[in-house]
Amino acid sequence: EELSAQTSCWLFIGTQHASANAGAMHYASPRIRRDGGVETDTLATNFLQLIKRILESKRADTMELQRNLSKVQA
């Protein structure tokens, strides 16, 4: 936030730890919220959807590996 205030830049940051159980986080600077309007909300929504899809894919891969391991161990 300090960076965006000092530089008056448009700043959007999205983050999600790969192994976290909590939801993704994002930050949009006051200037990008003001100047970006609805598109800023869309950017945040798209980021959250992207993270959701990545996590779902990761879970599906884990489930597939578990099924394959169970077959081999049987």
C-alpha atoms as a PDB file:
ATOM      1  CA  GLU A   1       0.000   0.000   0.000  1.00  0.00           C
ATOM      2  CA  GLU A   2       2.846   2.353   0.831  1.00  0.00           C
ATOM      3  CA  LEU A   3       4.442   1.700  -2.568  1.00  0.00           C
ATOM      4  CA  SER A   4       1.258   2.589  -4.408  1.00  0.00           C
ATOM      5  CA  ALA A   5       0.821   5.729  -2.291  1.00  0.00           C
ATOM      6  CA  GLN A   6       4.419   6.876  -2.823  1.00  0.00           C
ATOM      7  CA  THR A   7       4.458   6.215  -6.561  1.00  0.00           C
ATOM      8  CA  SER A   8       0.788   6.826  -7.356  1.00  0.00           C
ATOM      9  CA  CYS A   9       0.898   3.632  -9.412  1.00  0.00           C
ATOM     10  CA  TRP A  10      -1.892   1.252 -10.276  1.00  0.00           C
ATOM     11  CA  LEU A  11      -1.181  -1.770  -8.136  1.00  0.00           C
ATOM     12  CA  PHE A  12      -2.906  -5.132  -7.984  1.00  0.00           C
ATOM     13  CA  ILE A  13      -1.404  -8.042  -6.075  1.00  0.00           C
ATOM     14  CA  GLY A  14      -2.916 -11.495  -5.819  1.00  0.00           C
ATOM     15  CA  THR A  15      -1.517 -14.293  -3.703  1.00  0.00           C
ATOM     16  CA  GLN A  16      -2.259 -17.854  -2.664  1.00  0.00           C
ATOM     17  CA  HIS A  17       0.126 -20.240  -0.978  1.00  0.00           C
ATOM     18  CA  ALA A  18       0.093 -23.578  -2.792  1.00  0.00           C
ATOM     19  CA  SER A  19      -0.489 -25.624   0.362  1.00  0.00           C
ATOM     20  CA  ALA A  20      -2.691 -23.184   2.281  1.00  0.00           C
ATOM     21  CA  ASN A  21      -6.180 -24.089   3.432  1.00  0.00           C
ATOM     22  CA  ALA A  22      -7.265 -20.456   3.612  1.00  0.00           C
ATOM     23  CA  GLY A  23      -8.562 -18.529   0.650  1.00  0.00           C
ATOM     24  CA  ALA A  24      -6.587 -16.416  -1.762  1.00  0.00           C
ATOM     25  CA  MET A  25      -5.864 -12.800  -0.952  1.00  0.00           C
ATOM     26  CA  HIS A  26      -5.637  -9.760  -3.166  1.00  0.00           C
ATOM     27  CA  TYR A  27      -4.941  -6.062  -2.844  1.00  0.00           C
ATOM     28  CA  ALA A  28      -5.974  -3.298  -5.222  1.00  0.00           C
ATOM     29  CA  SER A  29      -4.550   0.167  -4.672  1.00  0.00           C
ATOM     30  CA  PRO A  30      -6.902   3.111  -4.256  1.00  0.00           C
ATOM     31  CA  ARG A  31      -5.863   4.465  -7.652  1.00  0.00           C
ATOM     32  CA  ILE A  32      -6.580   1.248  -9.558  1.00  0.00           C
ATOM     33  CA  ARG A  33      -9.915   0.924  -7.764  1.00  0.00           C
ATOM     34  CA  ARG A  34     -10.781   4.505  -8.653  1.00  0.00           C
ATOM     35  CA  ASP A  35      -9.508   4.502 -12.250  1.00  0.00           C
ATOM     36  CA  GLY A  36     -10.256   0.877 -13.063  1.00  0.00           C
ATOM     37  CA  GLY A  37     -13.877   0.860 -12.006  1.00  0.00           C
ATOM     38  CA  VAL A  38     -15.753  -2.372 -12.632  1.00  0.00           C
ATOM     39  CA  GLU A  39     -12.765  -3.912 -14.405  1.00  0.00           C
ATOM     40  CA  THR A  40     -10.879  -3.906 -11.102  1.00  0.00           C
ATOM     41  CA  ASP A  41     -13.612  -6.063  -9.578  1.00  0.00           C
ATOM     42  CA  THR A  42     -13.455  -8.298 -12.644  1.00  0.00           C
ATOM     43  CA  LEU A  43      -9.684  -8.613 -12.257  1.00  0.00           C
ATOM     44  CA  ALA A  44     -10.073  -9.714  -8.646  1.00  0.00           C
ATOM     45  CA  THR A  45     -12.867 -12.150  -9.533  1.00  0.00           C
ATOM     46  CA  ASN A  46     -10.829 -13.648 -12.382  1.00  0.00           C
ATOM     47  CA  PHE A  47      -7.827 -14.056 -10.095  1.00  0.00           C
ATOM     48  CA  LEU A  48      -9.917 -15.858  -7.478  1.00  0.00           C
ATOM     49  CA  GLN A  49     -11.452 -18.124 -10.159  1.00  0.00           C
ATOM     50  CA  LEU A  50      -7.978 -18.921 -11.497  1.00  0.00           C
ATOM     51  CA  ILE A  51      -6.766 -19.923  -8.039  1.00  0.00           C
ATOM     52  CA  LYS A  52      -9.891 -22.024  -7.492  1.00  0.00           C
ATOM     53  CA  ARG A  53      -9.291 -23.908 -10.767  1.00  0.00           C
ATOM     54  CA  ILE A  54      -5.620 -24.461  -9.977  1.00  0.00           C
ATOM     55  CA  LEU A  55      -6.468 -25.865  -6.545  1.00  0.00           C
ATOM     56  CA  GLU A  56      -9.205 -28.090  -8.003  1.00  0.00           C
ATOM     57  CA  SER A  57      -6.735 -29.417 -10.572  1.00  0.00           C
ATOM     58  CA  LYS A  58      -4.162 -30.052  -7.852  1.00  0.00           C
ATOM     59  CA  ARG A  59      -6.756 -31.964  -5.800  1.00  0.00           C
ATOM     60  CA  ALA A  60      -7.798 -34.014  -8.838  1.00  0.00           C
ATOM     61  CA  ASP A  61      -4.163 -34.913  -9.527  1.00  0.00           C
ATOM     62  CA  THR A  62      -3.694 -35.931  -5.896  1.00  0.00           C
ATOM     63  CA  MET A  63      -6.831 -38.088  -5.989  1.00  0.00           C
ATOM     64  CA  GLU A  64      -5.646 -39.780  -9.201  1.00  0.00           C
ATOM     65  CA  LEU A  65      -2.251 -40.514  -7.667  1.00  0.00           C
ATOM     66  CA  GLN A  66      -3.949 -41.941  -4.572  1.00  0.00           C
ATOM     67  CA  ARG A  67      -6.165 -44.210  -6.711  1.00  0.00           C
ATOM     68  CA  ASN A  68      -3.143 -45.423  -8.674  1.00  0.00           C
ATOM     69  CA  LEU A  69      -1.216 -46.082  -5.474  1.00  0.00           C
ATOM     70  CA  SER A  70      -4.149 -48.021  -4.013  1.00  0.00           C
ATOM     71  CA  LYS A  71      -4.317 -50.196  -7.148  1.00  0.00           C
ATOM     72  CA  VAL A  72      -0.589 -50.954  -6.977  1.00  0.00           C
ATOM     73  CA  GLN A  73      -0.761 -51.779  -3.269  1.00  0.00           C
ATOM     74  CA  ALA A  74      -3.778 -54.083  -3.698  1.00  0.00           C
END
